[in-house]
């Protein structure tokens, strides 16, 4: 989740740079009466307005209007089994297996355990959803350490 926050900040910074550059180009072209360049700058401004203002949450109303459709999907049950061979995931009748050799690293905080696989995919295990009868956060972390999976420092 923190990775997504970093990507969001990069996206916002990029949007500001683009907006300022286009406005600067429009002002310079107006000052020097470069009408074709001014027309192109105004078209670029009109094209970037929706994505620029989206970062301020103006599209949040549209997303809130979509919330009922998100809720209409029934919750899925995903089961993760940890064994001496590796990680086995069961999701809607599909079984996936990742041997320990393909588990690159893990990161743990109080809410999630993030497991990175060698194909640049991640498994996010919510700590509160671990089955108390079969495992706990400490058991999963102990198994990851036992298998020699590198632990990364938690993100700030």
N, C-alpha and C. Protein backbone atom coordinates (compact mmCIF):
# COMPACT_ATOMS: atom_id res chain seq x y z
N UNK A 1 0.81 -1.19 0.00
CA UNK A 1 0.00 0.00 0.00
C UNK A 1 0.87 1.27 0.00
N UNK A 2 1.98 1.18 0.71
CA UNK A 2 2.87 2.34 0.73
C UNK A 2 3.46 2.60 -0.65
N UNK A 3 3.69 1.53 -1.39
CA UNK A 3 4.21 1.67 -2.75
C UNK A 3 3.23 2.47 -3.61
N UNK A 4 1.94 2.23 -3.41
CA UNK A 4 0.93 2.98 -4.16
C UNK A 4 0.93 4.45 -3.77
N UNK A 5 1.18 4.74 -2.49
CA UNK A 5 1.23 6.13 -2.05
C UNK A 5 2.41 6.86 -2.69
N UNK A 6 3.53 6.18 -2.82
CA UNK A 6 4.70 6.79 -3.47
C UNK A 6 4.40 7.06 -4.94
N UNK A 7 3.77 6.08 -5.60
CA UNK A 7 3.41 6.27 -7.00
C UNK A 7 2.42 7.42 -7.17
N UNK A 8 1.50 7.58 -6.21
CA UNK A 8 0.53 8.68 -6.29
C UNK A 8 1.25 10.02 -6.18
N UNK A 9 2.23 10.13 -5.27
CA UNK A 9 2.97 11.39 -5.13
C UNK A 9 3.75 11.70 -6.41
N UNK A 10 4.33 10.67 -7.03
CA UNK A 10 5.05 10.89 -8.29
C UNK A 10 4.09 11.36 -9.37
N UNK A 11 2.92 10.76 -9.41
CA UNK A 11 1.92 11.15 -10.41
C UNK A 11 1.49 12.59 -10.21
N UNK A 12 1.24 12.99 -8.97
CA UNK A 12 0.84 14.37 -8.69
C UNK A 12 1.94 15.35 -9.07
N UNK A 13 3.18 15.03 -8.76
CA UNK A 13 4.28 15.92 -9.11
C UNK A 13 4.39 16.06 -10.63
N UNK A 14 4.22 14.94 -11.32
CA UNK A 14 4.28 14.99 -12.79
C UNK A 14 3.15 15.86 -13.34
N UNK A 15 1.95 15.74 -12.79
CA UNK A 15 0.83 16.56 -13.25
C UNK A 15 1.11 18.05 -13.03
N UNK A 16 1.69 18.42 -11.90
CA UNK A 16 2.01 19.82 -11.64
C UNK A 16 3.06 20.33 -12.61
N UNK A 17 4.08 19.52 -12.89
CA UNK A 17 5.13 19.95 -13.81
C UNK A 17 4.55 20.16 -15.21
N UNK A 18 3.72 19.23 -15.66
CA UNK A 18 3.11 19.37 -16.98
C UNK A 18 2.23 20.61 -17.04
N UNK A 19 1.42 20.81 -16.01
CA UNK A 19 0.52 21.97 -16.00
C UNK A 19 1.29 23.28 -16.02
N UNK A 20 2.32 23.39 -15.21
CA UNK A 20 3.11 24.62 -15.17
C UNK A 20 3.86 24.85 -16.48
N UNK A 21 4.37 23.78 -17.08
CA UNK A 21 5.10 23.93 -18.35
C UNK A 21 4.16 24.39 -19.46
N UNK A 22 2.96 23.87 -19.51
CA UNK A 22 2.02 24.25 -20.57
C UNK A 22 1.54 25.69 -20.35
N UNK A 23 1.28 26.07 -19.12
CA UNK A 23 0.86 27.45 -18.84
C UNK A 23 2.00 28.42 -19.18
N UNK A 24 3.22 28.04 -18.83
CA UNK A 24 4.37 28.88 -19.17
C UNK A 24 4.51 29.03 -20.69
N UNK A 25 4.35 27.93 -21.42
CA UNK A 25 4.42 28.00 -22.89
C UNK A 25 3.32 28.89 -23.44
N UNK A 26 2.11 28.82 -22.85
CA UNK A 26 1.01 29.66 -23.31
C UNK A 26 1.31 31.13 -23.06
N UNK A 27 1.86 31.46 -21.91
CA UNK A 27 2.18 32.86 -21.60
C UNK A 27 3.27 33.40 -22.51
N UNK A 28 4.30 32.60 -22.75
CA UNK A 28 5.39 33.04 -23.64
C UNK A 28 4.88 33.22 -25.06
N UNK A 29 4.05 32.30 -25.54
CA UNK A 29 3.54 32.41 -26.91
C UNK A 29 2.59 33.61 -27.04
N UNK A 30 1.84 33.92 -25.99
CA UNK A 30 0.96 35.09 -26.02
C UNK A 30 1.80 36.37 -26.03
N UNK A 31 2.83 36.39 -25.22
CA UNK A 31 3.69 37.57 -25.12
C UNK A 31 4.37 37.87 -26.46
N UNK A 32 4.81 36.83 -27.17
CA UNK A 32 5.54 37.02 -28.43
C UNK A 32 4.64 36.84 -29.64
N UNK A 33 3.34 36.77 -29.41
CA UNK A 33 2.32 36.66 -30.45
C UNK A 33 2.57 35.49 -31.41
N UNK A 34 2.87 34.37 -30.82
CA UNK A 34 3.05 33.13 -31.58
C UNK A 34 1.72 32.36 -31.50
N UNK A 35 0.79 32.76 -32.36
CA UNK A 35 -0.58 32.27 -32.25
C UNK A 35 -0.72 30.75 -32.45
N UNK A 36 -0.01 30.13 -33.38
CA UNK A 36 -0.15 28.66 -33.48
C UNK A 36 0.33 27.94 -32.22
N UNK A 37 1.43 28.45 -31.64
CA UNK A 37 1.93 27.85 -30.40
C UNK A 37 0.95 28.08 -29.26
N UNK A 38 0.33 29.25 -29.21
CA UNK A 38 -0.67 29.53 -28.19
C UNK A 38 -1.88 28.61 -28.35
N UNK A 39 -2.31 28.39 -29.59
CA UNK A 39 -3.45 27.49 -29.82
C UNK A 39 -3.11 26.08 -29.36
N UNK A 40 -1.89 25.62 -29.65
CA UNK A 40 -1.49 24.28 -29.21
C UNK A 40 -1.42 24.19 -27.68
N UNK A 41 -0.93 25.26 -27.04
CA UNK A 41 -0.85 25.27 -25.58
C UNK A 41 -2.25 25.25 -24.96
N UNK A 42 -3.19 26.01 -25.54
CA UNK A 42 -4.56 26.01 -25.01
C UNK A 42 -5.23 24.65 -25.19
N UNK A 43 -4.96 24.00 -26.31
CA UNK A 43 -5.50 22.65 -26.52
C UNK A 43 -4.90 21.68 -25.50
N UNK A 44 -3.61 21.80 -25.24
CA UNK A 44 -2.97 20.94 -24.25
C UNK A 44 -3.53 21.18 -22.85
N UNK A 45 -3.80 22.46 -22.53
CA UNK A 45 -4.39 22.78 -21.23
C UNK A 45 -5.77 22.15 -21.12
N UNK A 46 -6.58 22.29 -22.16
CA UNK A 46 -7.92 21.70 -22.13
C UNK A 46 -7.86 20.18 -22.02
N UNK A 47 -6.85 19.58 -22.65
CA UNK A 47 -6.72 18.13 -22.61
C UNK A 47 -6.29 17.64 -21.23
N UNK A 48 -5.46 18.42 -20.51
CA UNK A 48 -4.93 18.02 -19.21
C UNK A 48 -5.81 18.40 -18.04
N UNK A 49 -6.80 19.26 -18.24
CA UNK A 49 -7.63 19.73 -17.12
C UNK A 49 -8.27 18.58 -16.34
N UNK A 50 -8.92 17.59 -16.97
CA UNK A 50 -9.55 16.53 -16.16
C UNK A 50 -8.58 15.77 -15.27
N UNK A 51 -7.42 15.38 -15.81
CA UNK A 51 -6.48 14.62 -14.98
C UNK A 51 -5.82 15.51 -13.92
N UNK A 52 -5.64 16.80 -14.23
CA UNK A 52 -5.05 17.70 -13.25
C UNK A 52 -5.98 17.89 -12.06
N UNK A 53 -7.26 18.15 -12.32
CA UNK A 53 -8.18 18.38 -11.22
C UNK A 53 -8.61 17.09 -10.53
N UNK A 54 -8.38 15.95 -11.15
CA UNK A 54 -8.71 14.67 -10.51
C UNK A 54 -7.88 14.47 -9.25
N UNK A 55 -6.68 15.02 -9.23
CA UNK A 55 -5.84 14.83 -8.06
C UNK A 55 -6.37 15.58 -6.83
N UNK A 56 -7.26 16.51 -7.02
CA UNK A 56 -7.82 17.25 -5.89
C UNK A 56 -9.08 16.60 -5.35
N UNK A 57 -9.42 15.42 -5.85
CA UNK A 57 -10.57 14.71 -5.32
C UNK A 57 -11.88 15.12 -5.95
N UNK A 58 -11.86 15.86 -7.05
CA UNK A 58 -13.11 16.28 -7.67
C UNK A 58 -13.84 15.10 -8.30
N UNK A 59 -13.12 14.02 -8.60
CA UNK A 59 -13.77 12.84 -9.15
C UNK A 59 -14.21 11.88 -8.05
N UNK A 60 -14.00 12.26 -6.81
CA UNK A 60 -14.37 11.39 -5.70
C UNK A 60 -15.87 11.13 -5.67
N UNK A 61 -16.67 12.13 -6.08
CA UNK A 61 -18.12 11.94 -6.12
C UNK A 61 -18.49 10.84 -7.09
N UNK A 62 -17.81 10.80 -8.22
CA UNK A 62 -18.09 9.75 -9.20
C UNK A 62 -17.72 8.38 -8.63
N UNK A 63 -16.62 8.33 -7.92
CA UNK A 63 -16.22 7.05 -7.32
C UNK A 63 -17.18 6.64 -6.22
N UNK A 64 -17.66 7.60 -5.45
CA UNK A 64 -18.64 7.27 -4.41
C UNK A 64 -19.93 6.77 -5.03
N UNK A 65 -20.27 7.27 -6.19
CA UNK A 65 -21.46 6.78 -6.88
C UNK A 65 -21.30 5.34 -7.35
N UNK A 66 -20.06 4.91 -7.51
CA UNK A 66 -19.81 3.54 -7.95
C UNK A 66 -19.73 2.56 -6.79
N UNK A 67 -19.72 3.03 -5.56
CA UNK A 67 -19.58 2.15 -4.41
C UNK A 67 -20.61 1.04 -4.35
N UNK A 68 -21.89 1.30 -4.68
CA UNK A 68 -22.85 0.19 -4.64
C UNK A 68 -22.46 -0.95 -5.59
N UNK A 69 -21.86 -0.63 -6.73
CA UNK A 69 -21.47 -1.71 -7.63
C UNK A 69 -20.30 -2.50 -7.06
N UNK A 70 -19.44 -1.84 -6.28
CA UNK A 70 -18.37 -2.57 -5.63
C UNK A 70 -18.94 -3.53 -4.59
N UNK A 71 -19.96 -3.09 -3.90
CA UNK A 71 -20.55 -3.91 -2.85
C UNK A 71 -21.39 -5.06 -3.40
N UNK A 72 -21.78 -4.98 -4.66
CA UNK A 72 -22.65 -6.01 -5.20
C UNK A 72 -21.91 -7.33 -5.45
N UNK A 73 -20.59 -7.30 -5.45
CA UNK A 73 -19.82 -8.52 -5.62
C UNK A 73 -19.68 -9.21 -4.26
N UNK A 74 -20.00 -10.49 -4.20
CA UNK A 74 -19.86 -11.18 -2.92
C UNK A 74 -18.38 -11.32 -2.54
N UNK A 75 -18.10 -11.33 -1.25
CA UNK A 75 -16.71 -11.46 -0.84
C UNK A 75 -16.16 -12.83 -1.25
N UNK A 76 -14.89 -12.83 -1.62
CA UNK A 76 -14.23 -14.07 -2.02
C UNK A 76 -13.43 -14.61 -0.85
N UNK A 77 -13.35 -15.89 -0.81
CA UNK A 77 -12.53 -16.54 0.20
C UNK A 77 -11.23 -17.00 -0.46
N UNK A 78 -10.14 -16.45 -0.01
CA UNK A 78 -8.83 -16.83 -0.52
C UNK A 78 -8.08 -17.50 0.63
N UNK A 79 -7.56 -18.69 0.36
CA UNK A 79 -6.87 -19.43 1.40
C UNK A 79 -5.40 -19.54 1.02
N UNK A 80 -4.53 -19.26 1.98
CA UNK A 80 -3.09 -19.36 1.78
C UNK A 80 -2.57 -20.42 2.73
N UNK A 81 -1.93 -21.44 2.16
CA UNK A 81 -1.32 -22.48 2.97
C UNK A 81 0.19 -22.33 2.90
N UNK A 82 0.82 -22.40 4.06
CA UNK A 82 2.26 -22.28 4.15
C UNK A 82 2.80 -23.65 4.58
N UNK A 83 3.68 -24.21 3.75
CA UNK A 83 4.25 -25.52 4.07
C UNK A 83 5.76 -25.48 3.87
N UNK A 84 6.41 -26.61 4.10
CA UNK A 84 7.86 -26.69 3.91
C UNK A 84 8.24 -26.56 2.45
N UNK A 85 7.30 -26.84 1.53
CA UNK A 85 7.59 -26.74 0.10
C UNK A 85 7.46 -25.31 -0.42
N UNK A 86 6.53 -24.53 0.13
CA UNK A 86 6.32 -23.17 -0.34
C UNK A 86 4.95 -22.64 0.04
N UNK A 87 4.47 -21.68 -0.74
CA UNK A 87 3.17 -21.04 -0.49
C UNK A 87 2.17 -21.56 -1.52
N UNK A 88 1.02 -21.99 -1.06
CA UNK A 88 -0.04 -22.48 -1.94
C UNK A 88 -1.28 -21.64 -1.67
N UNK A 89 -1.83 -21.07 -2.76
CA UNK A 89 -2.98 -20.19 -2.65
C UNK A 89 -4.17 -20.81 -3.39
N UNK A 90 -5.32 -20.75 -2.76
CA UNK A 90 -6.56 -21.23 -3.35
C UNK A 90 -7.51 -20.05 -3.47
N UNK A 91 -7.91 -19.72 -4.69
CA UNK A 91 -8.78 -18.58 -4.94
C UNK A 91 -9.83 -18.96 -5.98
N UNK A 92 -11.07 -19.10 -5.55
CA UNK A 92 -12.20 -19.39 -6.44
C UNK A 92 -11.94 -20.61 -7.33
N UNK A 93 -11.44 -21.66 -6.73
CA UNK A 93 -11.21 -22.88 -7.48
C UNK A 93 -9.89 -22.94 -8.22
N UNK A 94 -9.09 -21.89 -8.16
CA UNK A 94 -7.79 -21.85 -8.83
C UNK A 94 -6.70 -22.02 -7.78
N UNK A 95 -5.80 -22.93 -8.05
CA UNK A 95 -4.72 -23.19 -7.11
C UNK A 95 -3.41 -22.67 -7.69
N UNK A 96 -2.67 -21.90 -6.90
CA UNK A 96 -1.36 -21.38 -7.30
C UNK A 96 -0.33 -21.84 -6.29
N UNK A 97 0.86 -22.11 -6.78
CA UNK A 97 1.93 -22.57 -5.90
C UNK A 97 3.20 -21.77 -6.18
N UNK A 98 3.84 -21.32 -5.13
CA UNK A 98 5.12 -20.61 -5.23
C UNK A 98 6.12 -21.31 -4.32
N UNK A 99 7.11 -21.99 -4.89
CA UNK A 99 8.12 -22.63 -4.04
C UNK A 99 8.94 -21.57 -3.32
N UNK A 100 9.59 -21.97 -2.24
CA UNK A 100 10.34 -21.01 -1.45
C UNK A 100 11.44 -20.33 -2.26
N UNK A 101 11.95 -21.01 -3.27
CA UNK A 101 13.00 -20.40 -4.10
C UNK A 101 12.49 -19.19 -4.87
N UNK A 102 11.18 -19.10 -5.09
CA UNK A 102 10.63 -17.97 -5.83
C UNK A 102 10.13 -16.84 -4.92
N UNK A 103 10.27 -17.01 -3.62
CA UNK A 103 9.88 -15.96 -2.67
C UNK A 103 11.12 -15.11 -2.41
N UNK A 104 11.05 -13.84 -2.84
CA UNK A 104 12.22 -12.97 -2.80
C UNK A 104 12.42 -12.33 -1.43
N UNK A 105 11.36 -11.74 -0.87
CA UNK A 105 11.50 -11.03 0.41
C UNK A 105 10.13 -10.85 1.04
N UNK A 106 10.14 -10.35 2.26
CA UNK A 106 8.87 -10.01 2.92
C UNK A 106 9.07 -8.78 3.78
N UNK A 107 7.97 -8.13 4.03
CA UNK A 107 7.94 -6.92 4.86
C UNK A 107 6.70 -7.03 5.74
N UNK A 108 6.85 -6.73 7.01
CA UNK A 108 5.73 -6.85 7.93
C UNK A 108 5.51 -5.54 8.66
N UNK A 109 4.25 -5.16 8.77
CA UNK A 109 3.87 -4.08 9.67
C UNK A 109 2.72 -4.60 10.51
N UNK A 110 2.05 -3.73 11.23
CA UNK A 110 1.03 -4.22 12.16
C UNK A 110 -0.24 -4.68 11.47
N UNK A 111 -0.48 -4.25 10.21
CA UNK A 111 -1.72 -4.62 9.52
C UNK A 111 -1.53 -5.66 8.43
N UNK A 112 -0.38 -5.65 7.74
CA UNK A 112 -0.16 -6.52 6.60
C UNK A 112 1.20 -7.19 6.67
N UNK A 113 1.27 -8.33 6.01
CA UNK A 113 2.55 -8.95 5.71
C UNK A 113 2.62 -8.97 4.18
N UNK A 114 3.60 -8.29 3.65
CA UNK A 114 3.78 -8.17 2.20
C UNK A 114 4.87 -9.15 1.78
N UNK A 115 4.51 -10.08 0.89
CA UNK A 115 5.45 -11.09 0.42
C UNK A 115 5.74 -10.81 -1.05
N UNK A 116 7.02 -10.62 -1.39
CA UNK A 116 7.41 -10.34 -2.76
C UNK A 116 7.90 -11.62 -3.43
N UNK A 117 7.34 -11.91 -4.60
CA UNK A 117 7.76 -13.08 -5.37
C UNK A 117 8.77 -12.66 -6.44
N UNK A 118 9.48 -13.63 -6.99
CA UNK A 118 10.53 -13.32 -7.94
C UNK A 118 10.02 -12.79 -9.28
N UNK A 119 8.72 -12.94 -9.57
CA UNK A 119 8.16 -12.40 -10.82
C UNK A 119 7.58 -11.00 -10.61
N UNK A 120 8.03 -10.32 -9.56
CA UNK A 120 7.62 -8.95 -9.22
C UNK A 120 6.15 -8.85 -8.87
N UNK A 121 5.53 -9.93 -8.43
CA UNK A 121 4.19 -9.90 -7.88
C UNK A 121 4.29 -9.93 -6.37
N UNK A 122 3.23 -9.43 -5.72
CA UNK A 122 3.22 -9.36 -4.27
C UNK A 122 1.97 -10.06 -3.74
N UNK A 123 2.12 -10.64 -2.57
CA UNK A 123 0.98 -11.19 -1.85
C UNK A 123 0.85 -10.35 -0.58
N UNK A 124 -0.33 -9.78 -0.38
CA UNK A 124 -0.59 -8.99 0.81
C UNK A 124 -1.50 -9.81 1.72
N UNK A 125 -0.97 -10.15 2.88
CA UNK A 125 -1.71 -10.96 3.83
C UNK A 125 -2.17 -10.06 4.96
N UNK A 126 -3.49 -9.81 5.06
CA UNK A 126 -3.97 -9.00 6.18
C UNK A 126 -3.85 -9.78 7.48
N UNK A 127 -3.18 -9.21 8.46
CA UNK A 127 -2.93 -9.89 9.72
C UNK A 127 -4.23 -10.23 10.42
N UNK A 128 -5.22 -9.38 10.35
CA UNK A 128 -6.48 -9.63 11.05
C UNK A 128 -7.28 -10.76 10.42
N UNK A 129 -6.93 -11.16 9.19
CA UNK A 129 -7.66 -12.23 8.51
C UNK A 129 -6.99 -13.60 8.66
N UNK A 130 -5.85 -13.64 9.38
CA UNK A 130 -5.22 -14.93 9.61
C UNK A 130 -6.11 -15.76 10.53
N UNK A 131 -6.23 -17.02 10.21
CA UNK A 131 -7.08 -17.91 10.99
C UNK A 131 -6.45 -18.15 12.36
N UNK A 132 -7.15 -17.80 13.44
CA UNK A 132 -6.54 -17.98 14.77
C UNK A 132 -6.38 -19.46 15.13
N UNK A 133 -7.19 -20.33 14.53
CA UNK A 133 -7.10 -21.75 14.87
C UNK A 133 -5.86 -22.40 14.26
N UNK A 134 -5.43 -21.91 13.10
CA UNK A 134 -4.34 -22.60 12.41
C UNK A 134 -3.02 -21.85 12.43
N UNK A 135 -3.05 -20.54 12.50
CA UNK A 135 -1.79 -19.80 12.44
C UNK A 135 -1.94 -18.43 13.06
N UNK A 136 -0.81 -17.78 13.20
CA UNK A 136 -0.81 -16.41 13.69
C UNK A 136 0.26 -15.65 12.92
N UNK A 137 0.32 -14.38 13.16
CA UNK A 137 1.30 -13.53 12.50
C UNK A 137 2.71 -14.02 12.79
N UNK A 138 2.96 -14.36 14.06
CA UNK A 138 4.28 -14.81 14.46
C UNK A 138 4.66 -16.13 13.80
N UNK A 139 3.68 -17.04 13.64
CA UNK A 139 3.96 -18.31 12.98
C UNK A 139 4.37 -18.10 11.52
N UNK A 140 3.66 -17.22 10.83
CA UNK A 140 3.97 -16.95 9.42
C UNK A 140 5.34 -16.30 9.30
N UNK A 141 5.63 -15.33 10.15
CA UNK A 141 6.93 -14.67 10.11
C UNK A 141 8.06 -15.65 10.45
N UNK A 142 7.82 -16.54 11.42
CA UNK A 142 8.83 -17.54 11.78
C UNK A 142 9.10 -18.48 10.61
N UNK A 143 8.06 -18.88 9.88
CA UNK A 143 8.24 -19.77 8.74
C UNK A 143 9.02 -19.06 7.62
N UNK A 144 8.70 -17.79 7.37
CA UNK A 144 9.44 -17.04 6.35
C UNK A 144 10.92 -16.93 6.71
N UNK A 145 11.21 -16.65 7.98
CA UNK A 145 12.60 -16.54 8.42
C UNK A 145 13.29 -17.90 8.37
N UNK A 146 12.57 -18.96 8.74
CA UNK A 146 13.13 -20.31 8.71
C UNK A 146 13.53 -20.70 7.29
N UNK A 147 12.76 -20.27 6.30
CA UNK A 147 13.04 -20.61 4.91
C UNK A 147 14.10 -19.70 4.29
N UNK A 148 14.63 -18.76 5.06
CA UNK A 148 15.70 -17.90 4.57
C UNK A 148 15.23 -16.76 3.68
N UNK A 149 13.96 -16.38 3.80
CA UNK A 149 13.44 -15.27 3.01
C UNK A 149 13.91 -13.96 3.64
N UNK A 150 14.46 -13.08 2.83
CA UNK A 150 15.00 -11.82 3.33
C UNK A 150 13.88 -10.91 3.82
N UNK A 151 14.10 -10.31 4.98
CA UNK A 151 13.13 -9.36 5.52
C UNK A 151 13.57 -7.95 5.19
N UNK A 152 12.64 -7.17 4.63
CA UNK A 152 12.90 -5.78 4.33
C UNK A 152 12.42 -4.91 5.48
N UNK A 153 13.02 -3.75 5.61
CA UNK A 153 12.59 -2.82 6.66
C UNK A 153 11.21 -2.30 6.33
N UNK A 154 10.38 -2.06 7.36
CA UNK A 154 9.06 -1.50 7.09
C UNK A 154 9.17 -0.13 6.47
N UNK A 155 8.19 0.18 5.61
CA UNK A 155 8.18 1.50 4.95
C UNK A 155 7.77 2.56 5.97
N UNK A 156 8.34 3.76 5.83
CA UNK A 156 7.97 4.84 6.77
C UNK A 156 6.57 5.32 6.57
